[in-house]
Amino acid sequence: MLKRAKYKVSEASDGEIGLRLQQKNPFDLIITDIVMPNKDGIETILELRENYPDLKVIAISGGDFSVKNHSLATATRVGATRTLSKPFARKQLLETVKEVLV
């Protein structure tokens, strides 16, 4: 979705890889899933906040409703700029990205 909207996108399969990419070439925005192998989204957000306090972060989560809402609330508490619940519409993602990057 973001590539089609002409954003430059890098992908990481987990938080550890995402953090290494951020160290090598800092991003304007990171979108992280909450549930990931090796380093989950909450751990990733905590580390990003420690090392890049001004970085914009959008946390996303799907799955079980009660777990999803708890995880997104936790993401907000630890420093996510915004959260999105999966599934989300293309328009919702693009509007959120645009708002965060302004």
PDB file of N, CA and C in Angstrom:
ATOM      1  N   MET A   1       0.816  -1.204   0.000  1.00  0.00           N
ATOM      2  CA  MET A   1       0.000   0.000   0.000  1.00  0.00           C
ATOM      3  C   MET A   1       0.858   1.265   0.000  1.00  0.00           C
ATOM      4  N   LEU A   2       1.873   1.264   0.818  1.00  0.00           N
ATOM      5  CA  LEU A   2       2.710   2.459   0.923  1.00  0.00           C
ATOM      6  C   LEU A   2       3.575   2.672  -0.305  1.00  0.00           C
ATOM      7  N   LYS A   3       4.080   1.597  -0.870  1.00  0.00           N
ATOM      8  CA  LYS A   3       4.873   1.721  -2.092  1.00  0.00           C
ATOM      9  C   LYS A   3       4.031   2.286  -3.220  1.00  0.00           C
ATOM     10  N   ARG A   4       2.793   1.829  -3.351  1.00  0.00           N
ATOM     11  CA  ARG A   4       1.910   2.347  -4.399  1.00  0.00           C
ATOM     12  C   ARG A   4       1.608   3.825  -4.195  1.00  0.00           C
ATOM     13  N   ALA A   5       1.668   4.270  -2.939  1.00  0.00           N
ATOM     14  CA  ALA A   5       1.437   5.685  -2.627  1.00  0.00           C
ATOM     15  C   ALA A   5       2.722   6.507  -2.733  1.00  0.00           C
ATOM     16  N   LYS A   6       3.791   5.885  -3.276  1.00  0.00           N
ATOM     17  CA  LYS A   6       5.068   6.546  -3.554  1.00  0.00           C
ATOM     18  C   LYS A   6       5.916   6.825  -2.321  1.00  0.00           C
ATOM     19  N   TYR A   7       5.677   6.077  -1.235  1.00  0.00           N
ATOM     20  CA  TYR A   7       6.557   6.172  -0.082  1.00  0.00           C
ATOM     21  C   TYR A   7       7.719   5.206  -0.294  1.00  0.00           C
ATOM     22  N   LYS A   8       8.889   5.574   0.195  1.00  0.00           N
ATOM     23  CA  LYS A   8      10.034   4.672   0.179  1.00  0.00           C
ATOM     24  C   LYS A   8       9.878   3.734   1.374  1.00  0.00           C
ATOM     25  N   VAL A   9       9.938   2.439   1.119  1.00  0.00           N
ATOM     26  CA  VAL A   9       9.635   1.443   2.144  1.00  0.00           C
ATOM     27  C   VAL A   9      10.780   0.443   2.276  1.00  0.00           C
ATOM     28  N   SER A  10      11.135   0.139   3.514  1.00  0.00           N
ATOM     29  CA  SER A  10      12.049  -0.959   3.833  1.00  0.00           C
ATOM     30  C   SER A  10      11.258  -1.926   4.713  1.00  0.00           C
ATOM     31  N   GLU A  11      11.579  -3.213   4.599  1.00  0.00           N
ATOM     32  CA  GLU A  11      10.841  -4.215   5.359  1.00  0.00           C
ATOM     33  C   GLU A  11      11.783  -5.015   6.241  1.00  0.00           C
ATOM     34  N   ALA A  12      11.260  -5.423   7.397  1.00  0.00           N
ATOM     35  CA  ALA A  12      11.993  -6.272   8.331  1.00  0.00           C
ATOM     36  C   ALA A  12      11.030  -7.328   8.851  1.00  0.00           C
ATOM     37  N   SER A  13      11.522  -8.538   9.008  1.00  0.00           N
ATOM     38  CA  SER A  13      10.657  -9.633   9.451  1.00  0.00           C
ATOM     39  C   SER A  13      10.482  -9.690  10.967  1.00  0.00           C
ATOM     40  N   ASP A  14      11.289  -8.945  11.697  1.00  0.00           N
ATOM     41  CA  ASP A  14      11.128  -8.888  13.148  1.00  0.00           C
ATOM     42  C   ASP A  14      11.758  -7.610  13.685  1.00  0.00           C
ATOM     43  N   GLY A  15      11.558  -7.381  14.983  1.00  0.00           N
ATOM     44  CA  GLY A  15      12.051  -6.156  15.597  1.00  0.00           C
ATOM     45  C   GLY A  15      13.558  -6.024  15.590  1.00  0.00           C
ATOM     46  N   GLU A  16      14.274  -7.132  15.761  1.00  0.00           N
ATOM     47  CA  GLU A  16      15.736  -7.065  15.759  1.00  0.00           C
ATOM     48  C   GLU A  16      16.261  -6.551  14.421  1.00  0.00           C
ATOM     49  N   ILE A  17      15.722  -7.079  13.349  1.00  0.00           N
ATOM     50  CA  ILE A  17      16.154  -6.642  12.011  1.00  0.00           C
ATOM     51  C   ILE A  17      15.747  -5.195  11.787  1.00  0.00           C
ATOM     52  N   GLY A  18      14.549  -4.833  12.200  1.00  0.00           N
ATOM     53  CA  GLY A  18      14.093  -3.455  12.054  1.00  0.00           C
ATOM     54  C   GLY A  18      14.980  -2.469  12.784  1.00  0.00           C
ATOM     55  N   LEU A  19      15.393  -2.818  13.985  1.00  0.00           N
ATOM     56  CA  LEU A  19      16.283  -1.939  14.754  1.00  0.00           C
ATOM     57  C   LEU A  19      17.645  -1.801  14.088  1.00  0.00           C
ATOM     58  N   ARG A  20      18.161  -2.895  13.531  1.00  0.00           N
ATOM     59  CA  ARG A  20      19.443  -2.814  12.813  1.00  0.00           C
ATOM     60  C   ARG A  20      19.317  -1.909  11.595  1.00  0.00           C
ATOM     61  N   LEU A  21      18.221  -2.017  10.861  1.00  0.00           N
ATOM     62  CA  LEU A  21      18.003  -1.147   9.705  1.00  0.00           C
ATOM     63  C   LEU A  21      17.920   0.311  10.136  1.00  0.00           C
ATOM     64  N   GLN A  22      17.258   0.584  11.243  1.00  0.00           N
ATOM     65  CA  GLN A  22      17.140   1.949  11.757  1.00  0.00           C
ATOM     66  C   GLN A  22      18.513   2.508  12.118  1.00  0.00           C
ATOM     67  N   GLN A  23      19.378   1.694  12.672  1.00  0.00           N
ATOM     68  CA  GLN A  23      20.721   2.141  13.041  1.00  0.00           C
ATOM     69  C   GLN A  23      21.543   2.508  11.805  1.00  0.00           C
ATOM     70  N   LYS A  24      21.391   1.723  10.742  1.00  0.00           N
ATOM     71  CA  LYS A  24      22.174   1.940   9.525  1.00  0.00           C
ATOM     72  C   LYS A  24      21.689   3.138   8.723  1.00  0.00           C
ATOM     73  N   ASN A  25      20.402   3.318   8.636  1.00  0.00           N
ATOM     74  CA  ASN A  25      19.817   4.368   7.803  1.00  0.00           C
ATOM     75  C   ASN A  25      18.517   4.825   8.451  1.00  0.00           C
ATOM     76  N   PRO A  26      18.577   5.798   9.357  1.00  0.00           N
ATOM     77  CA  PRO A  26      17.391   6.203  10.112  1.00  0.00           C
ATOM     78  C   PRO A  26      16.191   6.557   9.226  1.00  0.00           C
ATOM     79  N   PHE A  27      15.035   6.133   9.707  1.00  0.00           N
ATOM     80  CA  PHE A  27      13.769   6.353   9.007  1.00  0.00           C
ATOM     81  C   PHE A  27      13.024   7.531   9.604  1.00  0.00           C
ATOM     82  N   ASP A  28      12.078   8.056   8.858  1.00  0.00           N
ATOM     83  CA  ASP A  28      11.181   9.098   9.361  1.00  0.00           C
ATOM     84  C   ASP A  28      10.039   8.497  10.169  1.00  0.00           C
ATOM     85  N   LEU A  29       9.703   7.244   9.860  1.00  0.00           N
ATOM     86  CA  LEU A  29       8.563   6.568  10.463  1.00  0.00           C
ATOM     87  C   LEU A  29       8.820   5.074  10.481  1.00  0.00           C
ATOM     88  N   ILE A  30       8.432   4.430  11.571  1.00  0.00           N
ATOM     89  CA  ILE A  30       8.454   2.978  11.633  1.00  0.00           C
ATOM     90  C   ILE A  30       7.048   2.496  11.929  1.00  0.00           C
ATOM     91  N   ILE A  31       6.606   1.521  11.151  1.00  0.00           N
ATOM     92  CA  ILE A  31       5.336   0.844  11.408  1.00  0.00           C
ATOM     93  C   ILE A  31       5.707  -0.549  11.892  1.00  0.00           C
ATOM     94  N   THR A  32       5.292  -0.880  13.095  1.00  0.00           N
ATOM     95  CA  THR A  32       5.639  -2.176  13.666  1.00  0.00           C
ATOM     96  C   THR A  32       4.395  -2.951  14.064  1.00  0.00           C
ATOM     97  N   ASP A  33       4.430  -4.227  13.755  1.00  0.00           N
ATOM     98  CA  ASP A  33       3.392  -5.117  14.258  1.00  0.00           C
ATOM     99  C   ASP A  33       3.708  -5.377  15.722  1.00  0.00           C
ATOM    100  N   ILE A  34       2.715  -5.745  16.495  1.00  0.00           N
ATOM    101  CA  ILE A  34       2.949  -6.072  17.895  1.00  0.00           C
ATOM    102  C   ILE A  34       3.498  -7.489  18.019  1.00  0.00           C
ATOM    103  N   VAL A  35       2.894  -8.422  17.282  1.00  0.00           N
ATOM    104  CA  VAL A  35       3.301  -9.823  17.384  1.00  0.00           C
ATOM    105  C   VAL A  35       4.316 -10.125  16.286  1.00  0.00           C
ATOM    106  N   MET A  36       5.567 -10.346  16.705  1.00  0.00           N
ATOM    107  CA  MET A  36       6.656 -10.679  15.787  1.00  0.00           C
ATOM    108  C   MET A  36       7.601 -11.641  16.484  1.00  0.00           C
ATOM    109  N   PRO A  37       8.346 -12.426  15.729  1.00  0.00           N
ATOM    110  CA  PRO A  37       9.345 -13.305  16.350  1.00  0.00           C
ATOM    111  C   PRO A  37      10.559 -12.500  16.827  1.00  0.00           C
ATOM    112  N   ASN A  38      11.335 -13.101  17.690  1.00  0.00           N
ATOM    113  CA  ASN A  38      12.627 -12.588  18.193  1.00  0.00           C
ATOM    114  C   ASN A  38      12.502 -11.341  19.066  1.00  0.00           C
ATOM    115  N   LYS A  39      11.893 -10.299  18.595  1.00  0.00           N
ATOM    116  CA  LYS A  39      11.682  -9.081  19.387  1.00  0.00           C
ATOM    117  C   LYS A  39      10.324  -8.535  18.976  1.00  0.00           C
ATOM    118  N   ASP A  40       9.370  -8.560  19.909  1.00  0.00           N
ATOM    119  CA  ASP A  40       8.014  -8.138  19.547  1.00  0.00           C
ATOM    120  C   ASP A  40       7.913  -6.618  19.428  1.00  0.00           C
ATOM    121  N   GLY A  41       6.750  -6.153  19.040  1.00  0.00           N
ATOM    122  CA  GLY A  41       6.555  -4.731  18.807  1.00  0.00           C
ATOM    123  C   GLY A  41       6.726  -3.870  20.048  1.00  0.00           C
ATOM    124  N   ILE A  42       6.279  -4.367  21.202  1.00  0.00           N
ATOM    125  CA  ILE A  42       6.421  -3.590  22.434  1.00  0.00           C
ATOM    126  C   ILE A  42       7.901  -3.413  22.777  1.00  0.00           C
ATOM    127  N   GLU A  43       8.664  -4.488  22.705  1.00  0.00           N
ATOM    128  CA  GLU A  43      10.106  -4.397  22.959  1.00  0.00           C
ATOM    129  C   GLU A  43      10.777  -3.474  21.949  1.00  0.00           C
ATOM    130  N   THR A  44      10.342  -3.565  20.712  1.00  0.00           N
ATOM    131  CA  THR A  44      10.915  -2.732  19.650  1.00  0.00           C
ATOM    132  C   THR A  44      10.626  -1.262  19.913  1.00  0.00           C
ATOM    133  N   ILE A  45       9.396  -0.944  20.279  1.00  0.00           N
ATOM    134  CA  ILE A  45       9.024   0.452  20.571  1.00  0.00           C
ATOM    135  C   ILE A  45       9.834   0.972  21.756  1.00  0.00           C
ATOM    136  N   LEU A  46       9.969   0.169  22.793  1.00  0.00           N
ATOM    137  CA  LEU A  46      10.749   0.590  23.959  1.00  0.00           C
ATOM    138  C   LEU A  46      12.190   0.935  23.567  1.00  0.00           C
ATOM    139  N   GLU A  47      12.798   0.101  22.758  1.00  0.00           N
ATOM    140  CA  GLU A  47      14.177   0.347  22.342  1.00  0.00           C
ATOM    141  C   GLU A  47      14.260   1.567  21.412  1.00  0.00           C
ATOM    142  N   LEU A  48      13.284   1.708  20.534  1.00  0.00           N
ATOM    143  CA  LEU A  48      13.261   2.888  19.662  1.00  0.00           C
ATOM    144  C   LEU A  48      13.136   4.168  20.481  1.00  0.00           C
ATOM    145  N   ARG A  49      12.276   4.169  21.483  1.00  0.00           N
ATOM    146  CA  ARG A  49      12.086   5.356  22.316  1.00  0.00           C
ATOM    147  C   ARG A  49      13.367   5.704  23.073  1.00  0.00           C
ATOM    148  N   GLU A  50      14.080   4.678  23.514  1.00  0.00           N
ATOM    149  CA  GLU A  50      15.329   4.896  24.245  1.00  0.00           C
ATOM    150  C   GLU A  50      16.393   5.532  23.353  1.00  0.00           C
ATOM    151  N   ASN A  51      16.484   5.063  22.121  1.00  0.00           N
ATOM    152  CA  ASN A  51      17.549   5.505  21.224  1.00  0.00           C
ATOM    153  C   ASN A  51      17.145   6.588  20.227  1.00  0.00           C
ATOM    154  N   TYR A  52      15.871   6.691  19.930  1.00  0.00           N
ATOM    155  CA  TYR A  52      15.366   7.659  18.936  1.00  0.00           C
ATOM    156  C   TYR A  52      14.073   8.270  19.479  1.00  0.00           C
ATOM    157  N   PRO A  53      14.159   9.099  20.496  1.00  0.00           N
ATOM    158  CA  PRO A  53      12.949   9.584  21.178  1.00  0.00           C
ATOM    159  C   PRO A  53      11.981  10.364  20.291  1.00  0.00           C
ATOM    160  N   ASP A  54      12.445  10.950  19.210  1.00  0.00           N
ATOM    161  CA  ASP A  54      11.570  11.747  18.355  1.00  0.00           C
ATOM    162  C   ASP A  54      11.038  10.990  17.143  1.00  0.00           C
ATOM    163  N   LEU A  55      11.445   9.747  16.975  1.00  0.00           N
ATOM    164  CA  LEU A  55      11.013   8.938  15.834  1.00  0.00           C
ATOM    165  C   LEU A  55       9.512   8.667  15.911  1.00  0.00           C
ATOM    166  N   LYS A  56       8.838   8.780  14.799  1.00  0.00           N
ATOM    167  CA  LYS A  56       7.410   8.478  14.705  1.00  0.00           C
ATOM    168  C   LYS A  56       7.234   6.969  14.571  1.00  0.00           C
ATOM    169  N   VAL A  57       6.300   6.414  15.375  1.00  0.00           N
ATOM    170  CA  VAL A  57       6.063   4.971  15.366  1.00  0.00           C
ATOM    171  C   VAL A  57       4.561   4.710  15.313  1.00  0.00           C
ATOM    172  N   ILE A  58       4.156   3.884  14.361  1.00  0.00           N
ATOM    173  CA  ILE A  58       2.780   3.403  14.290  1.00  0.00           C
ATOM    174  C   ILE A  58       2.811   1.925  14.629  1.00  0.00           C
ATOM    175  N   ALA A  59       2.040   1.527  15.633  1.00  0.00           N
ATOM    176  CA  ALA A  59       1.934   0.122  16.019  1.00  0.00           C
ATOM    177  C   ALA A  59       0.644  -0.446  15.450  1.00  0.00           C
ATOM    178  N   ILE A  60       0.736  -1.660  14.908  1.00  0.00           N
ATOM    179  CA  ILE A  60      -0.445  -2.327  14.361  1.00  0.00           C
ATOM    180  C   ILE A  60      -0.600  -3.691  15.019  1.00  0.00           C
ATOM    181  N   SER A  61      -1.849  -4.144  15.110  1.00  0.00           N
ATOM    182  CA  SER A  61      -2.094  -5.459  15.675  1.00  0.00           C
ATOM    183  C   SER A  61      -3.429  -5.984  15.183  1.00  0.00           C
ATOM    184  N   GLY A  62      -3.506  -7.292  15.063  1.00  0.00           N
ATOM    185  CA  GLY A  62      -4.737  -7.970  14.688  1.00  0.00           C
ATOM    186  C   GLY A  62      -4.975  -9.111  15.643  1.00  0.00           C
ATOM    187  N   GLY A  63      -5.825 -10.034  15.244  1.00  0.00           N
ATOM    188  CA  GLY A  63      -6.055 -11.205  16.078  1.00  0.00           C
ATOM    189  C   GLY A  63      -7.165 -10.997  17.075  1.00  0.00           C
ATOM    190  N   ASP A  64      -7.065 -11.701  18.194  1.00  0.00           N
ATOM    191  CA  ASP A  64      -8.080 -11.690  19.242  1.00  0.00           C
ATOM    192  C   ASP A  64      -8.367 -10.265  19.703  1.00  0.00           C
ATOM    193  N   PHE A  65      -9.641  -9.902  19.760  1.00  0.00           N
ATOM    194  CA  PHE A  65     -10.047  -8.531  20.066  1.00  0.00           C
ATOM    195  C   PHE A  65      -9.493  -8.042  21.398  1.00  0.00           C
ATOM    196  N   SER A  66      -9.645  -8.821  22.470  1.00  0.00           N
ATOM    197  CA  SER A  66      -9.200  -8.359  23.790  1.00  0.00           C
ATOM    198  C   SER A  66      -7.680  -8.249  23.849  1.00  0.00           C
ATOM    199  N   VAL A  67      -6.977  -9.202  23.275  1.00  0.00           N
ATOM    200  CA  VAL A  67      -5.516  -9.147  23.254  1.00  0.00           C
ATOM    201  C   VAL A  67      -5.045  -7.992  22.395  1.00  0.00           C
ATOM    202  N   LYS A  68      -5.678  -7.818  21.227  1.00  0.00           N
ATOM    203  CA  LYS A  68      -5.299  -6.746  20.307  1.00  0.00           C
ATOM    204  C   LYS A  68      -5.442  -5.389  20.985  1.00  0.00           C
ATOM    205  N   ASN A  69      -6.576  -5.131  21.615  1.00  0.00           N
ATOM    206  CA  ASN A  69      -6.786  -3.830  22.248  1.00  0.00           C
ATOM    207  C   ASN A  69      -5.834  -3.610  23.407  1.00  0.00           C
ATOM    208  N   HIS A  70      -5.549  -4.643  24.169  1.00  0.00           N
ATOM    209  CA  HIS A  70      -4.590  -4.526  25.264  1.00  0.00           C
ATOM    210  C   HIS A  70      -3.200  -4.217  24.710  1.00  0.00           C
ATOM    211  N   SER A  71      -2.817  -4.913  23.656  1.00  0.00           N
ATOM    212  CA  SER A  71      -1.495  -4.706  23.059  1.00  0.00           C
ATOM    213  C   SER A  71      -1.355  -3.306  22.485  1.00  0.00           C
ATOM    214  N   LEU A  72      -2.387  -2.818  21.824  1.00  0.00           N
ATOM    215  CA  LEU A  72      -2.317  -1.472  21.256  1.00  0.00           C
ATOM    216  C   LEU A  72      -2.296  -0.412  22.358  1.00  0.00           C
ATOM    217  N   ALA A  73      -3.025  -0.646  23.436  1.00  0.00           N
ATOM    218  CA  ALA A  73      -2.982   0.287  24.569  1.00  0.00           C
ATOM    219  C   ALA A  73      -1.595   0.295  25.185  1.00  0.00           C
ATOM    220  N   THR A  74      -0.987  -0.879  25.303  1.00  0.00           N
ATOM    221  CA  THR A  74       0.372  -0.964  25.828  1.00  0.00           C
ATOM    222  C   THR A  74       1.344  -0.249  24.898  1.00  0.00           C
ATOM    223  N   ALA A  75       1.167  -0.425  23.596  1.00  0.00           N
ATOM    224  CA  ALA A  75       2.028   0.253  22.620  1.00  0.00           C
ATOM    225  C   ALA A  75       1.952   1.764  22.787  1.00  0.00           C
ATOM    226  N   THR A  76       0.775   2.280  23.021  1.00  0.00           N
ATOM    227  CA  THR A  76       0.611   3.719  23.243  1.00  0.00           C
ATOM    228  C   THR A  76       1.328   4.144  24.514  1.00  0.00           C
ATOM    229  N   ARG A  77       1.172   3.354  25.574  1.00  0.00           N
ATOM    230  CA  ARG A  77       1.812   3.693  26.845  1.00  0.00           C
ATOM    231  C   ARG A  77       3.336   3.706  26.751  1.00  0.00           C
ATOM    232  N   VAL A  78       3.898   2.835  25.932  1.00  0.00           N
ATOM    233  CA  VAL A  78       5.368   2.785  25.839  1.00  0.00           C
ATOM    234  C   VAL A  78       5.928   3.698  24.757  1.00  0.00           C
ATOM    235  N   GLY A  79       5.051   4.407  24.025  1.00  0.00           N
ATOM    236  CA  GLY A  79       5.573   5.424  23.126  1.00  0.00           C
ATOM    237  C   GLY A  79       5.161   5.399  21.678  1.00  0.00           C
ATOM    238  N   ALA A  80       4.245   4.522  21.279  1.00  0.00           N
ATOM    239  CA  ALA A  80       3.777   4.567  19.890  1.00  0.00           C
ATOM    240  C   ALA A  80       3.078   5.895  19.634  1.00  0.00           C
ATOM    241  N   THR A  81       3.369   6.489  18.509  1.00  0.00           N
ATOM    242  CA  THR A  81       2.750   7.752  18.136  1.00  0.00           C
ATOM    243  C   THR A  81       1.268   7.551  17.827  1.00  0.00           C
ATOM    244  N   ARG A  82       0.977   6.478  17.108  1.00  0.00           N
ATOM    245  CA  ARG A  82      -0.401   6.108  16.743  1.00  0.00           C
ATOM    246  C   ARG A  82      -0.499   4.595  16.690  1.00  0.00           C
ATOM    247  N   THR A  83      -1.736   4.092  16.708  1.00  0.00           N
ATOM    248  CA  THR A  83      -1.966   2.662  16.568  1.00  0.00           C
ATOM    249  C   THR A  83      -3.063   2.431  15.530  1.00  0.00           C
ATOM    250  N   LEU A  84      -3.001   1.268  14.905  1.00  0.00           N
ATOM    251  CA  LEU A  84      -4.021   0.841  13.952  1.00  0.00           C
ATOM    252  C   LEU A  84      -4.363  -0.615  14.227  1.00  0.00           C
ATOM    253  N   SER A  85      -5.637  -0.894  14.204  1.00  0.00           N
ATOM    254  CA  SER A  85      -6.109  -2.248  14.418  1.00  0.00           C
ATOM    255  C   SER A  85      -6.330  -2.930  13.076  1.00  0.00           C
ATOM    256  N   LYS A  86      -5.747  -4.128  12.915  1.00  0.00           N
ATOM    257  CA  LYS A  86      -5.939  -4.888  11.675  1.00  0.00           C
ATOM    258  C   LYS A  86      -7.279  -5.608  11.733  1.00  0.00           C
ATOM    259  N   PRO A  87      -7.962  -5.745  10.656  1.00  0.00           N
ATOM    260  CA  PRO A  87      -7.607  -5.210   9.341  1.00  0.00           C
ATOM    261  C   PRO A  87      -7.956  -3.724   9.257  1.00  0.00           C
ATOM    262  N   PHE A  88      -7.187  -3.000   8.494  1.00  0.00           N
ATOM    263  CA  PHE A  88      -7.473  -1.588   8.267  1.00  0.00           C
ATOM    264  C   PHE A  88      -7.519  -1.343   6.771  1.00  0.00           C
ATOM    265  N   ALA A  89      -8.230  -0.302   6.403  1.00  0.00           N
ATOM    266  CA  ALA A  89      -8.379   0.052   4.989  1.00  0.00           C
ATOM    267  C   ALA A  89      -7.148   0.825   4.519  1.00  0.00           C
ATOM    268  N   ARG A  90      -6.883   0.746   3.239  1.00  0.00           N
ATOM    269  CA  ARG A  90      -5.768   1.471   2.622  1.00  0.00           C
ATOM    270  C   ARG A  90      -5.847   2.956   2.970  1.00  0.00           C
ATOM    271  N   LYS A  91      -7.036   3.519   2.850  1.00  0.00           N
ATOM    272  CA  LYS A  91      -7.243   4.938   3.129  1.00  0.00           C
ATOM    273  C   LYS A  91      -6.882   5.265   4.585  1.00  0.00           C
ATOM    274  N   GLN A  92      -7.259   4.397   5.514  1.00  0.00           N
ATOM    275  CA  GLN A  92      -6.959   4.622   6.930  1.00  0.00           C
ATOM    276  C   GLN A  92      -5.450   4.618   7.174  1.00  0.00           C
ATOM    277  N   LEU A  93      -4.746   3.672   6.566  1.00  0.00           N
ATOM    278  CA  LEU A  93      -3.290   3.618   6.710  1.00  0.00           C
ATOM    279  C   LEU A  93      -2.643   4.875   6.141  1.00  0.00           C
ATOM    280  N   LEU A  94      -3.020   5.235   4.919  1.00  0.00           N
ATOM    281  CA  LEU A  94      -2.404   6.400   4.275  1.00  0.00           C
ATOM    282  C   LEU A  94      -2.695   7.697   5.030  1.00  0.00           C
ATOM    283  N   GLU A  95      -3.909   7.841   5.556  1.00  0.00           N
ATOM    284  CA  GLU A  95      -4.241   9.037   6.336  1.00  0.00           C
ATOM    285  C   GLU A  95      -3.436   9.090   7.634  1.00  0.00           C
ATOM    286  N   THR A  96      -3.281   7.941   8.271  1.00  0.00           N
ATOM    287  CA  THR A  96      -2.512   7.891   9.514  1.00  0.00           C
ATOM    288  C   THR A  96      -1.055   8.228   9.256  1.00  0.00           C
ATOM    289  N   VAL A  97      -0.474   7.659   8.229  1.00  0.00           N
ATOM    290  CA  VAL A  97       0.921   7.945   7.882  1.00  0.00           C
ATOM    291  C   VAL A  97       1.090   9.434   7.597  1.00  0.00           C
ATOM    292  N   LYS A  98       0.187   9.982   6.812  1.00  0.00           N
ATOM    293  CA  LYS A  98       0.278  11.410   6.468  1.00  0.00           C
ATOM    294  C   LYS A  98       0.182  12.289   7.729  1.00  0.00           C
ATOM    295  N   GLU A  99      -0.747  11.979   8.628  1.00  0.00           N
ATOM    296  CA  GLU A  99      -0.900  12.742   9.860  1.00  0.00           C
ATOM    297  C   GLU A  99       0.351  12.677  10.721  1.00  0.00           C
ATOM    298  N   VAL A 100       0.921  11.498  10.843  1.00  0.00           N
ATOM    299  CA  VAL A 100       2.095  11.300  11.688  1.00  0.00           C
ATOM    300  C   VAL A 100       3.314  12.025  11.136  1.00  0.00           C
ATOM    301  N   LEU A 101       3.447  12.034   9.820  1.00  0.00           N
ATOM    302  CA  LEU A 101       4.630  12.640   9.205  1.00  0.00           C
ATOM    303  C   LEU A 101       4.572  14.159   9.079  1.00  0.00           C
ATOM    304  N   VAL A 102       3.440  14.746   9.352  1.00  0.00           N
ATOM    305  CA  VAL A 102       3.311  16.214   9.247  1.00  0.00           C
ATOM    306  C   VAL A 102       4.050  16.897  10.356  1.00  0.00           C
TER     307      VAL A 102
END
